[in-house]
Amino acid sequence: MKRSNRLQNRAIKLCPLSNNPATQHNPTIHDLPEYLQKRIVLEACESKQVSGNCWVWQTSISGSGYGRVDWNGRRYRMAHKVVYELLVGKIPAGYEVDHLCSNRPCVNPHHLEAVTRTENLRRSHTVGSGNGTLTHCRRGHEFTDKNTYAWRGKRICRTCIAMHQKAYNQRKARILVGVNHHPLGSDLFSGNGDYSAT
């Protein structure tokens, strides 16, 4: 049996399944195989909901911000799921691992909890009903009936859209003015907008 498999099996036997890993076992970073330990850096946690440092994954990070690791012959597994399974136990069917600290590269099992997808989305402030808990857009405009419309399940701030449209129109006007003042003259363009090299 390979060394990593022995360590994994031993870790799973030591750590009973629990939604709150801190209640039954107090895992530390030293409980992980050295292969994984080398890829983690301890950083102060900014969240007030959890205690202890974040164990921040340092090597491969996915486009969505989660750590990735090749583990047990499988490529690109989510690092927080691997660490959770090693130090806490198997993730129950139909459950996801939620970051209580809201730090996606964190793999600290004290900052992770197995929850249903519905609960995970409810806790999120980026998608699903979590967005419904926000009172202002990211630029500080209040979500009111007059200032908000729904599009593809998201709330859109009308003030922000108007600002974007105004900036787009100004950029477009600058470009058109630049074409009309081209050193070779506006004769480069025919009346129908086609380029004509005469």
Protein backbone atom coordinates (compact mmCIF):
# COMPACT_ATOMS: atom_id res chain seq x y z
CA MET A 1 0.00 0.00 0.00
CA LYS A 2 1.33 3.43 -0.91
CA ARG A 3 2.37 5.78 1.87
CA SER A 4 -0.19 8.46 0.91
CA ASN A 5 -3.04 5.88 0.95
CA ARG A 6 -1.97 4.64 4.41
CA LEU A 7 -1.94 8.22 5.72
CA GLN A 8 -5.31 8.94 4.17
CA ASN A 9 -6.90 5.80 5.61
CA ARG A 10 -5.42 6.52 9.06
CA ALA A 11 -6.68 10.12 8.97
CA ILE A 12 -10.21 9.03 8.05
CA LYS A 13 -10.28 6.48 10.90
CA LEU A 14 -9.07 9.11 13.40
CA CYS A 15 -11.61 11.75 12.42
CA PRO A 16 -15.28 10.81 12.81
CA LEU A 17 -17.80 12.49 10.53
CA SER A 18 -19.21 15.66 12.01
CA ASN A 19 -20.72 18.86 10.65
CA ASN A 20 -18.54 20.76 13.13
CA PRO A 21 -15.03 19.29 13.09
CA ALA A 22 -13.97 21.18 16.20
CA THR A 23 -16.51 19.41 18.44
CA GLN A 24 -15.16 15.86 18.13
CA HIS A 25 -11.57 16.24 16.97
CA ASN A 26 -9.18 19.15 16.90
CA PRO A 27 -7.23 18.60 13.67
CA THR A 28 -4.08 20.58 13.03
CA ILE A 29 -2.11 21.19 9.87
CA HIS A 30 0.37 18.56 11.09
CA ASP A 31 -2.32 15.87 10.74
CA LEU A 32 -2.07 16.29 6.96
CA PRO A 33 0.41 14.43 4.75
CA GLU A 34 3.59 16.41 4.12
CA TYR A 35 2.68 16.63 0.43
CA LEU A 36 -0.30 18.81 1.37
CA GLN A 37 1.34 20.65 4.28
CA LYS A 38 3.94 22.16 1.94
CA ARG A 39 1.18 23.77 -0.12
CA ILE A 40 -0.48 25.63 2.76
CA VAL A 41 0.39 28.95 4.43
CA LEU A 42 -1.24 30.16 7.66
CA GLU A 43 -2.76 33.64 7.38
CA ALA A 44 -4.89 35.69 9.76
CA CYS A 45 -8.60 35.17 9.15
CA GLU A 46 -10.62 38.30 8.43
CA SER A 47 -13.97 36.68 9.26
CA LYS A 48 -15.57 37.28 12.64
CA GLN A 49 -17.65 34.07 12.32
CA VAL A 50 -14.74 31.66 12.86
CA SER A 51 -11.64 31.56 15.02
CA GLY A 52 -8.11 30.57 14.14
CA ASN A 53 -5.99 31.22 11.08
CA CYS A 54 -6.99 30.46 7.52
CA TRP A 55 -4.95 27.64 5.98
CA VAL A 56 -4.50 29.25 2.57
CA TRP A 57 -3.80 26.96 -0.37
CA GLN A 58 -0.78 28.27 -2.28
CA THR A 59 -0.24 26.17 -5.38
CA SER A 60 -2.87 25.57 -8.05
CA ILE A 61 -5.92 27.86 -7.80
CA SER A 62 -8.99 27.47 -10.02
CA GLY A 63 -10.48 30.36 -11.94
CA SER A 64 -13.18 30.66 -9.27
CA GLY A 65 -10.56 30.98 -6.51
CA TYR A 66 -10.60 27.49 -4.97
CA GLY A 67 -7.43 25.49 -4.39
CA ARG A 68 -6.87 22.45 -6.63
CA VAL A 69 -4.78 19.35 -6.00
CA ASP A 70 -4.01 16.04 -7.71
CA TRP A 71 -4.97 13.42 -5.13
CA ASN A 72 -5.34 9.62 -5.27
CA GLY A 73 -4.93 9.51 -9.02
CA ARG A 74 -7.54 12.18 -9.67
CA ARG A 75 -6.53 15.51 -11.17
CA TYR A 76 -7.80 18.90 -10.11
CA ARG A 77 -9.74 17.90 -7.01
CA MET A 78 -10.86 20.79 -4.83
CA ALA A 79 -8.23 21.13 -2.10
CA HIS A 80 -10.74 22.07 0.61
CA LYS A 81 -12.74 18.90 -0.09
CA VAL A 82 -9.61 16.72 0.06
CA VAL A 83 -8.54 18.23 3.40
CA TYR A 84 -12.09 17.96 4.77
CA GLU A 85 -12.24 14.27 3.85
CA LEU A 86 -8.82 13.60 5.38
CA LEU A 87 -9.37 15.39 8.68
CA VAL A 88 -13.13 15.27 9.22
CA GLY A 89 -14.56 12.45 7.14
CA LYS A 90 -16.48 11.64 3.99
CA ILE A 91 -18.73 14.37 2.63
CA PRO A 92 -22.32 13.04 2.86
CA ALA A 93 -24.17 12.45 -0.41
CA GLY A 94 -26.02 15.56 -1.51
CA TYR A 95 -23.86 17.87 0.61
CA GLU A 96 -21.25 20.49 -0.31
CA VAL A 97 -18.39 21.91 1.74
CA ASP A 98 -19.08 25.55 2.65
CA HIS A 99 -16.40 28.06 3.66
CA LEU A 100 -17.56 29.72 6.88
CA CYS A 101 -14.69 32.22 6.56
CA SER A 102 -15.68 33.15 2.96
CA ASN A 103 -12.03 32.70 1.92
CA ARG A 104 -12.13 30.32 -1.06
CA PRO A 105 -8.49 29.13 -0.96
CA CYS A 106 -8.81 28.32 2.79
CA VAL A 107 -8.63 24.60 3.64
CA ASN A 108 -8.83 24.86 7.46
CA PRO A 109 -11.35 22.17 8.55
CA HIS A 110 -12.54 24.46 11.37
CA HIS A 111 -13.63 26.94 8.68
CA LEU A 112 -15.43 24.30 6.58
CA GLU A 113 -18.88 22.80 7.05
CA ALA A 114 -20.82 20.18 5.09
CA VAL A 115 -24.17 21.71 4.10
CA THR A 116 -26.83 21.18 1.45
CA ARG A 117 -26.55 23.11 -1.81
CA THR A 118 -29.60 25.17 -0.85
CA GLU A 119 -27.99 26.22 2.43
CA ASN A 120 -24.68 26.96 0.70
CA LEU A 121 -26.43 29.24 -1.82
CA ARG A 122 -28.48 30.89 0.94
CA ARG A 123 -25.28 31.81 2.80
CA SER A 124 -23.64 33.21 -0.33
CA HIS A 125 -23.80 36.93 -1.13
CA THR A 126 -22.94 36.43 -4.78
CA VAL A 127 -25.65 34.14 -6.15
CA GLY A 128 -29.07 32.80 -5.34
CA SER A 129 -31.09 34.13 -2.44
CA GLY A 130 -27.95 35.52 -0.78
CA ASN A 131 -28.11 38.42 -3.23
CA GLY A 132 -31.59 39.04 -1.87
CA THR A 133 -30.09 39.97 1.50
CA LEU A 134 -28.07 42.84 -0.02
CA THR A 135 -29.63 46.30 0.30
CA HIS A 136 -27.22 48.18 -2.00
CA CYS A 137 -25.33 47.42 -5.21
CA ARG A 138 -21.54 47.24 -5.13
CA ARG A 139 -21.31 50.96 -5.97
CA GLY A 140 -23.55 51.90 -3.06
CA HIS A 141 -26.85 52.57 -4.87
CA GLU A 142 -29.86 51.39 -2.90
CA PHE A 143 -31.92 48.51 -4.33
CA THR A 144 -35.40 50.03 -4.57
CA ASP A 145 -38.34 49.09 -6.78
CA LYS A 146 -37.66 52.14 -8.95
CA ASN A 147 -33.88 51.59 -9.20
CA THR A 148 -33.86 47.80 -9.66
CA TYR A 149 -34.91 45.30 -12.30
CA ALA A 150 -34.45 41.53 -12.51
CA TRP A 151 -32.48 39.90 -15.32
CA ARG A 152 -31.58 36.18 -15.45
CA GLY A 153 -32.23 35.76 -11.74
CA LYS A 154 -30.09 38.73 -10.72
CA ARG A 155 -30.97 42.20 -9.50
CA ILE A 156 -29.58 44.95 -11.72
CA CYS A 157 -29.07 48.53 -10.56
CA ARG A 158 -30.58 50.97 -13.07
CA THR A 159 -28.27 53.81 -11.91
CA CYS A 160 -25.17 51.69 -12.64
CA ILE A 161 -26.54 50.68 -16.05
CA ALA A 162 -27.19 54.35 -16.90
CA MET A 163 -23.61 55.23 -15.87
CA HIS A 164 -22.21 52.42 -18.04
CA GLN A 165 -24.35 53.50 -21.01
CA LYS A 166 -23.26 57.14 -20.66
CA ALA A 167 -19.57 56.14 -20.52
CA TYR A 168 -20.04 53.89 -23.57
CA ASN A 169 -21.70 56.71 -25.52
CA GLN A 170 -18.85 59.09 -24.63
CA ARG A 171 -16.21 56.57 -25.75
CA LYS A 172 -18.09 55.98 -28.97
CA ALA A 173 -18.38 59.76 -29.62
CA ARG A 174 -14.62 60.21 -29.04
CA ILE A 175 -13.87 57.44 -31.53
CA LEU A 176 -16.20 58.92 -34.15
CA VAL A 177 -14.72 62.39 -33.66
CA GLY A 178 -11.25 60.86 -34.06
CA VAL A 179 -12.26 59.25 -37.38
CA ASN A 180 -13.66 62.52 -38.75
CA HIS A 181 -10.39 64.28 -37.88
CA HIS A 182 -8.17 61.62 -39.43
CA PRO A 183 -4.99 63.10 -41.06
CA LEU A 184 -6.08 61.65 -44.40
CA GLY A 185 -9.50 63.18 -44.03
CA SER A 186 -12.96 61.76 -43.57
CA ASP A 187 -12.90 60.66 -47.24
CA LEU A 188 -11.67 57.25 -46.02
CA PHE A 189 -15.22 56.36 -45.17
CA SER A 190 -18.05 56.41 -47.64
CA GLY A 191 -21.46 57.59 -46.57
CA ASN A 192 -22.68 54.04 -45.87
CA GLY A 193 -19.92 53.35 -43.33
CA ASP A 194 -17.81 51.13 -45.60
CA TYR A 195 -14.06 51.60 -45.76
CA SER A 196 -12.92 52.73 -49.19
CA ALA A 197 -9.21 52.94 -50.00
CA THR A 198 -9.16 55.24 -53.05
